[in-house]
Amino acid sequence: MTKKLFHSLCFVAIAVFLASVALIMGVLYGYFSRIQQTQLRMQTQLAAQGVEKSGLDYFAGLPVRDYRITWIGADGKVLYDTAVDAAAMTDHQARAEVREALASGFGQDQRLSATLTERMLYAAQRLNDGTVLRLAIAQSSILTMLLGVGQGVAAVILLALALSVFLARRLSKRIVAPLNEVDLDRPMENPGYEELTPLLRRLDAQQRQLKIQSAQLELDAAERAEAEAMRRQFTANVSHELKTPLHVISGYAELMQNGMVKPEDVGPFAGRIYDEARLMGKLVEDVISLSHLDEGAGDMPFEPVDLADAAASAVESLRPEAEKAGVELAFTGEAAPMEGIPTLLHSIVFNLCENGIKYDRPGGHVAVSVEKTPAGTVLTVRDDGAGIPPEQQEHVFERFYRGDRSRSRDVPGTGLGLSIVKHAAAVHGGKIDLKSAPGKGTEMTVTFPG
């Protein structure tokens, strides 16, 4: 940056200097041209007086170096010229300065001379006899003037260039020094230009943002690692859960195929195969649902829905299962309109009720209620079963967690129901509360915002 600033300052200094020289030379050129014209006029008037008194004799022995003198008759014929043979010259009556002198007594002009092929200044004076005396002098060009003062101008240019380089180098270092001293780790602690304050504030804000993003990236990496571990565990669990019904189905089918089953046992064997196939199908459905929820269920639109209607529908679909288990299933509630995904809301109620029925005792009760409260729309599913020990309560929403393993083997299910409830509630922004104690039943409460 220092080098770039140095070059810029040098360029500006030299450009300003050259522009100033050009402007000064232009002013001086105009000034000296006016002086030259004034002198030419005076010389013409003096020469005219000499010719008035002496005629052609005036020119005899007259030292003429820089001037050209032409004597023109009243008819435009050249009578005498100090530079060219008068007889060879054309009529000069049409010359501008001659016409002006004949008309007013004195005339001036400046143009390229057709005879001498250089730019000339002309001054013409009319004499008493009607003839015209004209003096001409070559007009000095800017180049001529520069050559005349060449040494002085060259010395000034060299001095100016050296001074410009020195000052540009020194100034660029002084300007850049505060920038080089900026501590990017602590931008607001840097002394320097007031104009840098907005930039330093922005750097400070970006530093803070980068720290936040770095922490977020570390958190995301940890979450991804955890998610990957969960995915692997989930895959292993799915494989394990599928193996059990597959082994049962293949084992019973093999016995039946080999004729090793008594005719009276074919029905029970087929029933067991059917039950295991249904369980495996339910497991696949639950895995697909859970994977869909893991992706956010973005393709399932929200729409107006009454949670009480969804709960009542789920309760009615489970009533045969409750009667078969000897559990009384009841629903109470009021209209509870909300924005939600009907399929997922039905799944929440269905899984909570099904779980309550499975783990309740014969003659037990499962009560489902829906109500509107200041905190939001509340769904409550309460049973009077064996309850959940405190040490297990934080694990019940984990995938494939079945609580008391010795008892879970006798209870059909995939172990994914409460995980589906948890994820479906999260899609709606809902919160789940669990209250349970051994021997006192379990109460699940899902609160939806709004």
Protein backbone atom coordinates (compact mmCIF):
# COMPACT_ATOMS: atom_id res chain seq x y z
CA MET A 1 0.00 0.00 0.00
CA THR A 2 2.89 2.36 0.76
CA LYS A 3 4.29 1.90 -2.73
CA LYS A 4 0.91 2.48 -4.34
CA LEU A 5 0.31 5.60 -2.25
CA PHE A 6 3.83 6.81 -3.06
CA HIS A 7 3.23 6.39 -6.79
CA SER A 8 -0.12 8.16 -6.53
CA LEU A 9 1.36 11.13 -4.66
CA CYS A 10 4.25 11.37 -7.14
CA PHE A 11 1.84 11.24 -10.05
CA VAL A 12 -0.37 13.96 -8.55
CA ALA A 13 2.61 16.18 -7.68
CA ILE A 14 4.17 15.84 -11.14
CA ALA A 15 0.81 16.30 -12.87
CA VAL A 16 0.10 19.47 -10.86
CA PHE A 17 3.62 20.73 -11.56
CA LEU A 18 3.41 20.10 -15.31
CA ALA A 19 -0.07 21.63 -15.45
CA SER A 20 1.26 24.68 -13.61
CA VAL A 21 4.23 24.94 -16.00
CA ALA A 22 1.89 24.67 -18.99
CA LEU A 23 -0.41 27.34 -17.57
CA ILE A 24 2.49 29.68 -16.73
CA MET A 25 4.03 29.20 -20.15
CA GLY A 26 0.70 29.95 -21.76
CA VAL A 27 0.34 33.16 -19.75
CA LEU A 28 3.96 34.15 -20.48
CA TYR A 29 3.52 33.39 -24.17
CA GLY A 30 0.53 35.70 -24.38
CA TYR A 31 2.35 38.38 -22.38
CA PHE A 32 5.50 38.28 -24.54
CA SER A 33 3.40 38.24 -27.73
CA ARG A 34 1.68 41.46 -26.63
CA ILE A 35 5.06 43.03 -25.83
CA GLN A 36 6.38 41.92 -29.23
CA GLN A 37 3.36 43.48 -30.98
CA THR A 38 3.80 46.74 -29.06
CA GLN A 39 7.49 46.88 -29.93
CA LEU A 40 6.70 46.12 -33.58
CA ARG A 41 4.24 48.98 -33.68
CA MET A 42 6.78 51.41 -32.24
CA GLN A 43 9.46 50.22 -34.69
CA THR A 44 7.02 50.63 -37.59
CA GLN A 45 6.15 54.20 -36.60
CA LEU A 46 9.85 55.09 -36.25
CA ALA A 47 10.71 53.51 -39.61
CA ALA A 48 7.79 55.33 -41.24
CA GLN A 49 9.20 58.68 -40.07
CA GLY A 50 12.59 57.74 -41.56
CA VAL A 51 11.10 56.82 -44.93
CA GLU A 52 8.98 60.02 -44.89
CA LYS A 53 12.20 62.07 -44.66
CA SER A 54 14.68 60.04 -46.72
CA GLY A 55 12.69 57.81 -49.06
CA LEU A 56 14.64 54.83 -50.40
CA ASP A 57 17.85 56.30 -49.04
CA TYR A 58 16.59 55.39 -45.57
CA PHE A 59 17.19 51.73 -46.36
CA ALA A 60 20.76 52.20 -47.54
CA GLY A 61 23.08 50.66 -44.99
CA LEU A 62 20.17 50.00 -42.59
CA PRO A 63 21.11 47.04 -40.35
CA VAL A 64 18.15 44.65 -40.48
CA ARG A 65 18.45 41.38 -38.58
CA ASP A 66 15.21 40.23 -36.93
CA TYR A 67 12.83 42.49 -38.86
CA ARG A 68 11.56 42.36 -42.44
CA ILE A 69 10.69 45.74 -43.96
CA THR A 70 8.39 46.08 -46.95
CA TRP A 71 7.44 49.34 -48.71
CA ILE A 72 4.19 49.10 -50.65
CA GLY A 73 2.79 51.57 -53.11
CA ALA A 74 -0.73 52.92 -52.92
CA ASP A 75 -1.68 50.58 -55.76
CA GLY A 76 -0.37 47.50 -53.84
CA LYS A 77 2.86 47.11 -55.82
CA VAL A 78 5.89 46.29 -53.66
CA LEU A 79 8.46 49.07 -53.95
CA TYR A 80 11.07 47.59 -51.63
CA ASP A 81 11.58 44.51 -49.43
CA THR A 82 14.54 43.63 -47.24
CA ALA A 83 14.11 39.88 -47.60
CA VAL A 84 12.93 39.23 -51.18
CA ASP A 85 13.40 40.92 -54.54
CA ALA A 86 10.53 43.41 -54.85
CA ALA A 87 10.07 42.73 -58.56
CA ALA A 88 9.30 39.09 -57.85
CA MET A 89 6.64 39.82 -55.25
CA THR A 90 2.90 39.85 -55.94
CA ASP A 91 0.43 42.65 -55.29
CA HIS A 92 0.11 43.29 -51.51
CA GLN A 93 -2.96 45.50 -51.53
CA ALA A 94 -5.14 42.59 -50.38
CA ARG A 95 -3.08 41.94 -47.25
CA ALA A 96 -5.18 42.53 -44.14
CA GLU A 97 -2.73 44.85 -42.40
CA VAL A 98 -2.24 46.84 -45.65
CA ARG A 99 -5.99 47.26 -46.18
CA GLU A 100 -6.40 48.37 -42.56
CA ALA A 101 -3.48 50.86 -42.85
CA LEU A 102 -4.88 52.34 -46.07
CA ALA A 103 -8.25 52.71 -44.42
CA SER A 104 -7.31 53.95 -40.93
CA GLY A 105 -3.61 54.82 -41.04
CA PHE A 106 -2.34 51.77 -39.13
CA GLY A 107 -2.99 48.03 -39.38
CA GLN A 108 -1.86 44.80 -37.70
CA ASP A 109 -2.14 41.09 -38.44
CA GLN A 110 -0.51 37.73 -37.65
CA ARG A 111 -0.40 34.76 -40.03
CA LEU A 112 1.77 32.26 -41.83
CA SER A 113 3.89 34.05 -44.38
CA ALA A 114 3.52 32.61 -47.89
CA THR A 115 6.96 33.98 -48.78
CA LEU A 116 8.96 32.99 -45.70
CA THR A 117 6.79 29.98 -44.64
CA GLU A 118 6.77 30.88 -40.96
CA ARG A 119 4.28 32.55 -38.64
CA MET A 120 4.79 36.32 -38.67
CA LEU A 121 3.52 39.43 -36.86
CA TYR A 122 2.76 42.33 -39.21
CA ALA A 123 2.39 46.08 -38.54
CA ALA A 124 1.68 48.57 -41.37
CA GLN A 125 1.79 52.43 -41.28
CA ARG A 126 0.38 54.63 -44.04
CA LEU A 127 2.69 57.44 -45.13
CA ASN A 128 1.64 60.94 -46.19
CA ASP A 129 2.07 60.11 -49.90
CA GLY A 130 -0.39 57.18 -49.62
CA THR A 131 2.25 54.45 -49.62
CA VAL A 132 2.42 51.91 -46.81
CA LEU A 133 5.45 50.86 -44.78
CA ARG A 134 5.14 47.42 -43.27
CA LEU A 135 7.34 45.71 -40.68
CA ALA A 136 7.21 41.99 -39.95
CA ILE A 137 8.87 39.84 -37.33
CA ALA A 138 8.76 36.11 -36.75
CA GLN A 139 6.38 35.24 -33.91
CA SER A 140 8.16 33.36 -31.15
CA SER A 141 6.63 29.92 -30.45
CA ILE A 142 6.27 28.30 -27.02
CA LEU A 143 9.03 25.88 -27.99
CA THR A 144 11.30 28.80 -28.87
CA MET A 145 10.51 30.45 -25.59
CA LEU A 146 11.20 27.17 -23.72
CA LEU A 147 14.51 26.80 -25.50
CA GLY A 148 15.37 30.30 -24.51
CA VAL A 149 14.87 29.55 -20.85
CA GLY A 150 15.77 25.86 -21.23
CA GLN A 151 18.48 25.62 -18.60
CA GLY A 152 16.47 27.44 -15.95
CA VAL A 153 13.32 25.45 -16.66
CA ALA A 154 15.25 22.15 -16.65
CA ALA A 155 16.81 23.02 -13.30
CA VAL A 156 13.41 23.91 -11.85
CA ILE A 157 11.85 20.68 -13.21
CA LEU A 158 14.62 18.51 -11.77
CA LEU A 159 14.41 20.26 -8.43
CA ALA A 160 10.62 19.95 -8.38
CA LEU A 161 10.79 16.24 -9.28
CA ALA A 162 13.33 15.52 -6.57
CA LEU A 163 11.31 17.47 -4.00
CA SER A 164 8.10 15.70 -5.11
CA VAL A 165 9.68 12.26 -4.75
CA PHE A 166 11.10 13.10 -1.33
CA LEU A 167 7.85 14.57 0.00
CA ALA A 168 5.73 11.78 -1.56
CA ARG A 169 7.87 9.09 0.04
CA ARG A 170 7.82 10.75 3.44
CA LEU A 171 4.12 11.59 3.32
CA SER A 172 3.11 8.10 2.15
CA LYS A 173 5.01 6.51 5.06
CA ARG A 174 3.38 8.86 7.56
CA ILE A 175 -0.09 8.20 6.13
CA VAL A 176 0.30 4.43 6.09
CA ALA A 177 2.01 4.13 9.50
CA PRO A 178 -1.24 4.22 11.57
CA LEU A 179 -2.78 1.64 9.22
CA ASN A 180 0.17 -0.71 9.64
CA GLU A 181 -0.13 -0.42 13.41
CA VAL A 182 -3.81 -1.44 13.51
CA ASP A 183 -4.36 -4.42 15.83
CA LEU A 184 -7.01 -6.46 14.02
CA ASP A 185 -7.66 -8.58 17.13
CA ARG A 186 -8.64 -5.45 19.13
CA PRO A 187 -9.78 -2.90 16.52
CA MET A 188 -11.34 -0.42 18.97
CA GLU A 189 -8.10 -0.10 20.98
CA ASN A 190 -6.14 1.38 18.05
CA PRO A 191 -5.19 5.07 18.04
CA GLY A 192 -5.20 6.58 14.58
CA TYR A 193 -7.29 8.57 12.15
CA GLU A 194 -10.78 9.58 13.18
CA GLU A 195 -11.90 8.65 9.66
CA LEU A 196 -10.93 5.02 10.43
CA THR A 197 -13.42 4.77 13.30
CA PRO A 198 -16.33 3.44 11.18
CA LEU A 199 -14.01 0.86 9.61
CA LEU A 200 -12.63 -0.17 13.01
CA ARG A 201 -16.15 -0.47 14.40
CA ARG A 202 -17.10 -2.67 11.50
CA LEU A 203 -13.97 -4.79 11.99
CA ASP A 204 -14.82 -5.13 15.67
CA ALA A 205 -18.37 -6.19 14.81
CA GLN A 206 -17.05 -8.67 12.28
CA GLN A 207 -14.60 -10.06 14.85
CA ARG A 208 -17.47 -10.66 17.25
CA GLN A 209 -19.56 -12.17 14.46
CA LEU A 210 -16.69 -14.45 13.45
CA LYS A 211 -16.31 -15.64 17.03
CA ILE A 212 -20.03 -16.37 17.18
CA GLN A 213 -19.90 -18.16 13.84
CA SER A 214 -16.83 -20.12 14.94
CA ALA A 215 -18.62 -21.23 18.08
CA GLN A 216 -21.70 -22.07 16.02
CA LEU A 217 -19.60 -24.10 13.59
CA GLU A 218 -18.07 -26.02 16.48
CA LEU A 219 -21.54 -26.62 17.87
CA ASP A 220 -22.82 -27.69 14.45
CA ALA A 221 -19.87 -30.05 14.07
CA ALA A 222 -20.62 -31.56 17.47
CA GLU A 223 -24.30 -31.87 16.58
CA ARG A 224 -23.44 -33.48 13.25
CA ALA A 225 -21.15 -35.94 15.01
CA GLU A 226 -23.91 -36.69 17.53
CA ALA A 227 -26.46 -37.02 14.75
CA GLU A 228 -24.18 -39.37 12.86
CA ALA A 229 -23.72 -41.49 15.98
CA MET A 230 -27.50 -41.52 16.50
CA ARG A 231 -28.02 -42.46 12.85
CA ARG A 232 -25.63 -45.38 13.18
CA GLN A 233 -27.29 -46.49 16.41
CA PHE A 234 -30.71 -46.08 14.82
CA THR A 235 -29.65 -48.18 11.82
CA ALA A 236 -28.29 -50.87 14.12
CA ASN A 237 -31.50 -50.83 16.20
CA VAL A 238 -33.71 -51.06 13.11
CA SER A 239 -31.67 -53.99 11.85
CA HIS A 240 -31.96 -55.69 15.24
CA GLU A 241 -35.70 -55.04 15.55
CA LEU A 242 -36.33 -56.39 12.03
CA LYS A 243 -34.34 -59.54 12.65
CA THR A 244 -36.65 -60.76 15.43
CA PRO A 245 -39.91 -60.90 13.40
CA LEU A 246 -38.02 -62.15 10.35
CA HIS A 247 -36.52 -65.03 12.33
CA VAL A 248 -39.94 -65.89 13.77
CA ILE A 249 -41.61 -65.75 10.35
CA SER A 250 -38.90 -67.76 8.62
CA GLY A 251 -38.75 -70.30 11.46
CA TYR A 252 -42.50 -70.96 11.56
CA ALA A 253 -42.70 -70.97 7.74
CA GLU A 254 -39.86 -73.49 7.53
CA LEU A 255 -41.60 -75.82 10.03
CA MET A 256 -44.85 -75.58 8.08
CA GLN A 257 -43.04 -76.16 4.77
CA ASN A 258 -41.32 -79.31 6.07
CA GLY A 259 -44.59 -80.73 7.39
CA MET A 260 -43.38 -80.63 10.97
CA VAL A 261 -46.53 -78.85 12.23
CA LYS A 262 -49.60 -80.73 13.39
CA PRO A 263 -52.76 -79.86 11.50
CA GLU A 264 -54.33 -78.39 14.65
CA ASP A 265 -51.25 -76.11 15.09
CA VAL A 266 -51.29 -74.67 11.57
CA GLY A 267 -53.80 -72.01 12.54
CA PRO A 268 -51.81 -70.71 15.56
CA PHE A 269 -48.58 -70.84 13.55
CA ALA A 270 -50.15 -68.82 10.71
CA GLY A 271 -51.53 -66.38 13.27
CA ARG A 272 -48.06 -65.89 14.76
CA ILE A 273 -46.61 -65.32 11.31
CA TYR A 274 -49.39 -62.81 10.60
CA ASP A 275 -48.76 -60.96 13.88
CA GLU A 276 -45.01 -60.80 13.29
CA ALA A 277 -45.55 -59.56 9.70
CA ARG A 278 -47.89 -56.84 10.99
CA LEU A 279 -45.32 -55.86 13.62
CA MET A 280 -42.60 -55.68 10.97
CA GLY A 281 -44.85 -53.60 8.72
CA LYS A 282 -45.64 -51.24 11.62
CA LEU A 283 -41.93 -50.94 12.34
CA VAL A 284 -41.19 -49.99 8.72
CA GLU A 285 -44.03 -47.43 8.76
CA ASP A 286 -42.73 -45.91 12.00
CA VAL A 287 -39.16 -45.73 10.67
CA ILE A 288 -40.38 -43.96 7.53
CA SER A 289 -42.49 -41.53 9.60
CA LEU A 290 -39.59 -40.78 11.93
CA SER A 291 -37.19 -40.21 9.01
CA HIS A 292 -39.74 -37.85 7.47
CA LEU A 293 -39.99 -35.91 10.72
CA ASP A 294 -36.19 -35.74 10.99
CA GLU A 295 -36.20 -33.90 7.66
CA GLY A 296 -38.65 -31.32 9.02
CA ALA A 297 -41.84 -32.52 7.27
CA GLY A 298 -41.55 -29.51 4.97
CA ASP A 299 -43.81 -31.07 2.35
CA MET A 300 -46.72 -31.34 4.83
CA PRO A 301 -48.59 -27.99 4.85
CA PHE A 302 -50.17 -26.45 7.94
CA GLU A 303 -53.90 -25.87 7.81
CA PRO A 304 -56.75 -24.97 10.20
CA VAL A 305 -57.59 -28.03 12.34
CA ASP A 306 -59.56 -28.73 15.52
CA LEU A 307 -57.36 -30.68 17.93
CA ALA A 308 -60.47 -31.95 19.76
CA ASP A 309 -61.77 -33.54 16.55
CA ALA A 310 -58.36 -35.10 15.81
CA ALA A 311 -58.15 -36.51 19.35
CA ALA A 312 -61.71 -37.87 19.25
CA SER A 313 -60.96 -39.60 15.93
CA ALA A 314 -57.79 -41.21 17.28
CA VAL A 315 -59.60 -42.38 20.44
CA GLU A 316 -62.37 -44.01 18.37
CA SER A 317 -59.83 -45.83 16.18
CA LEU A 318 -58.22 -47.33 19.31
CA ARG A 319 -61.42 -48.29 21.09
CA PRO A 320 -61.41 -51.92 19.84
CA GLU A 321 -57.80 -52.34 21.02
CA ALA A 322 -58.70 -50.86 24.41
CA GLU A 323 -61.69 -53.22 24.79
CA LYS A 324 -59.49 -56.16 23.86
CA ALA A 325 -56.98 -55.17 26.56
CA GLY A 326 -59.77 -54.59 29.12
CA VAL A 327 -58.95 -50.88 29.44
CA GLU A 328 -61.58 -48.17 29.56
CA LEU A 329 -60.78 -45.38 27.06
CA ALA A 330 -62.51 -42.00 27.54
CA PHE A 331 -62.31 -38.61 25.84
CA THR A 332 -63.41 -35.18 27.05
CA GLY A 333 -62.67 -31.87 25.44
CA GLU A 334 -63.80 -28.62 23.94
CA ALA A 335 -63.33 -27.11 20.50
CA ALA A 336 -59.65 -26.24 20.10
CA PRO A 337 -58.98 -24.71 16.66
CA MET A 338 -55.32 -24.26 15.71
CA GLU A 339 -52.92 -24.29 12.76
CA GLY A 340 -51.40 -27.72 12.34
CA ILE A 341 -50.80 -30.82 10.26
CA PRO A 342 -53.81 -33.11 10.78
CA THR A 343 -51.87 -36.33 10.10
CA LEU A 344 -49.20 -35.51 12.69
CA LEU A 345 -51.72 -34.36 15.32
CA HIS A 346 -53.64 -37.62 14.88
CA SER A 347 -50.33 -39.52 15.22
CA ILE A 348 -49.51 -37.74 18.50
CA VAL A 349 -52.85 -38.66 20.10
CA PHE A 350 -52.82 -42.18 18.65
CA ASN A 351 -49.32 -43.06 19.91
CA LEU A 352 -49.89 -41.61 23.39
CA CYS A 353 -53.20 -43.47 23.77
CA GLU A 354 -51.78 -46.71 22.33
CA ASN A 355 -48.85 -46.50 24.72
CA GLY A 356 -51.21 -45.93 27.67
CA ILE A 357 -53.36 -48.93 26.66
CA LYS A 358 -50.37 -51.28 26.22
CA TYR A 359 -48.81 -50.50 29.58
CA ASP A 360 -52.04 -50.23 31.60
CA ARG A 361 -53.48 -53.13 33.57
CA PRO A 362 -56.74 -54.96 32.77
CA GLY A 363 -59.58 -52.92 34.24
CA GLY A 364 -57.47 -49.77 33.99
CA HIS A 365 -58.46 -46.38 32.59
CA VAL A 366 -56.95 -44.11 29.90
CA ALA A 367 -58.36 -40.59 29.88
CA VAL A 368 -57.78 -38.16 26.98
CA SER A 369 -58.65 -34.45 27.26
CA VAL A 370 -58.23 -31.31 25.14
CA GLU A 371 -58.66 -27.76 26.42
CA LYS A 372 -57.78 -24.16 25.55
CA THR A 373 -55.73 -22.35 28.20
CA PRO A 374 -53.85 -19.02 28.37
CA ALA A 375 -50.65 -21.01 27.80
CA GLY A 376 -52.02 -22.58 24.59
CA THR A 377 -53.91 -25.65 23.43
CA VAL A 378 -53.29 -28.54 25.83
CA LEU A 379 -53.61 -32.26 25.10
CA THR A 380 -53.48 -34.60 28.14
CA VAL A 381 -53.33 -38.42 28.12
CA ARG A 382 -53.52 -40.03 31.58
CA ASP A 383 -53.45 -43.73 32.54
CA ASP A 384 -53.42 -45.58 35.89
CA GLY A 385 -50.91 -48.25 34.92
CA ALA A 386 -47.65 -49.28 36.56
CA GLY A 387 -45.98 -45.90 35.99
CA ILE A 388 -42.40 -45.13 34.96
CA PRO A 389 -39.48 -45.14 37.43
CA PRO A 390 -37.74 -41.73 37.77
CA GLU A 391 -34.44 -43.06 36.37
CA GLN A 392 -36.18 -44.12 33.16
CA GLN A 393 -38.30 -41.04 32.52
CA GLU A 394 -35.61 -39.10 30.65
CA HIS A 395 -35.13 -42.02 28.23
CA VAL A 396 -38.70 -42.87 27.27
CA PHE A 397 -38.63 -40.57 24.18
CA GLU A 398 -35.50 -42.21 22.82
CA ARG A 399 -35.85 -44.43 19.78
CA PHE A 400 -36.44 -48.11 20.53
CA TYR A 401 -36.43 -47.51 24.30
CA ARG A 402 -38.91 -49.97 25.85
CA GLY A 403 -38.57 -49.35 29.60
CA ASP A 404 -38.61 -52.51 31.71
CA ARG A 405 -37.03 -55.00 29.28
CA SER A 406 -38.44 -58.06 31.01
CA ARG A 407 -41.98 -56.74 30.66
CA SER A 408 -41.44 -55.06 27.25
CA ARG A 409 -40.93 -58.43 25.59
CA ASP A 410 -44.56 -59.25 26.40
CA VAL A 411 -45.85 -55.91 25.06
CA PRO A 412 -46.07 -55.66 21.26
CA GLY A 413 -44.71 -52.48 19.67
CA THR A 414 -41.82 -50.94 17.78
CA GLY A 415 -40.40 -48.71 20.53
CA LEU A 416 -40.72 -45.67 18.22
CA GLY A 417 -44.12 -44.33 19.26
CA LEU A 418 -42.96 -41.75 21.81
CA SER A 419 -40.07 -40.67 19.53
CA ILE A 420 -42.65 -39.93 16.82
CA VAL A 421 -44.71 -37.98 19.38
CA LYS A 422 -41.67 -35.93 20.39
CA HIS A 423 -40.71 -35.02 16.80
CA ALA A 424 -44.29 -34.35 15.66
CA ALA A 425 -44.83 -32.01 18.65
CA ALA A 426 -41.55 -30.21 17.82
CA VAL A 427 -42.78 -29.59 14.25
CA HIS A 428 -45.77 -27.74 15.79
CA GLY A 429 -43.60 -25.93 18.37
CA GLY A 430 -45.17 -27.99 21.13
CA LYS A 431 -43.77 -28.87 24.55
CA ILE A 432 -44.14 -32.28 26.25
CA ASP A 433 -44.37 -32.75 30.02
CA LEU A 434 -44.22 -36.14 31.73
CA LYS A 435 -45.50 -36.93 35.20
CA SER A 436 -45.25 -40.48 36.46
CA ALA A 437 -44.50 -42.55 39.55
CA PRO A 438 -44.33 -46.32 40.05
CA GLY A 439 -47.78 -47.69 40.91
CA LYS A 440 -49.51 -44.32 40.30
CA GLY A 441 -49.82 -44.24 36.52
CA THR A 442 -48.51 -41.80 33.93
CA GLU A 443 -49.66 -38.43 32.62
CA MET A 444 -48.41 -37.06 29.27
CA THR A 445 -49.17 -33.38 28.50
CA VAL A 446 -48.50 -31.74 25.14
CA THR A 447 -48.91 -27.94 25.02
CA PHE A 448 -49.21 -26.28 21.58
CA PRO A 449 -48.59 -22.53 21.31
CA GLY A 450 -51.41 -20.16 20.38
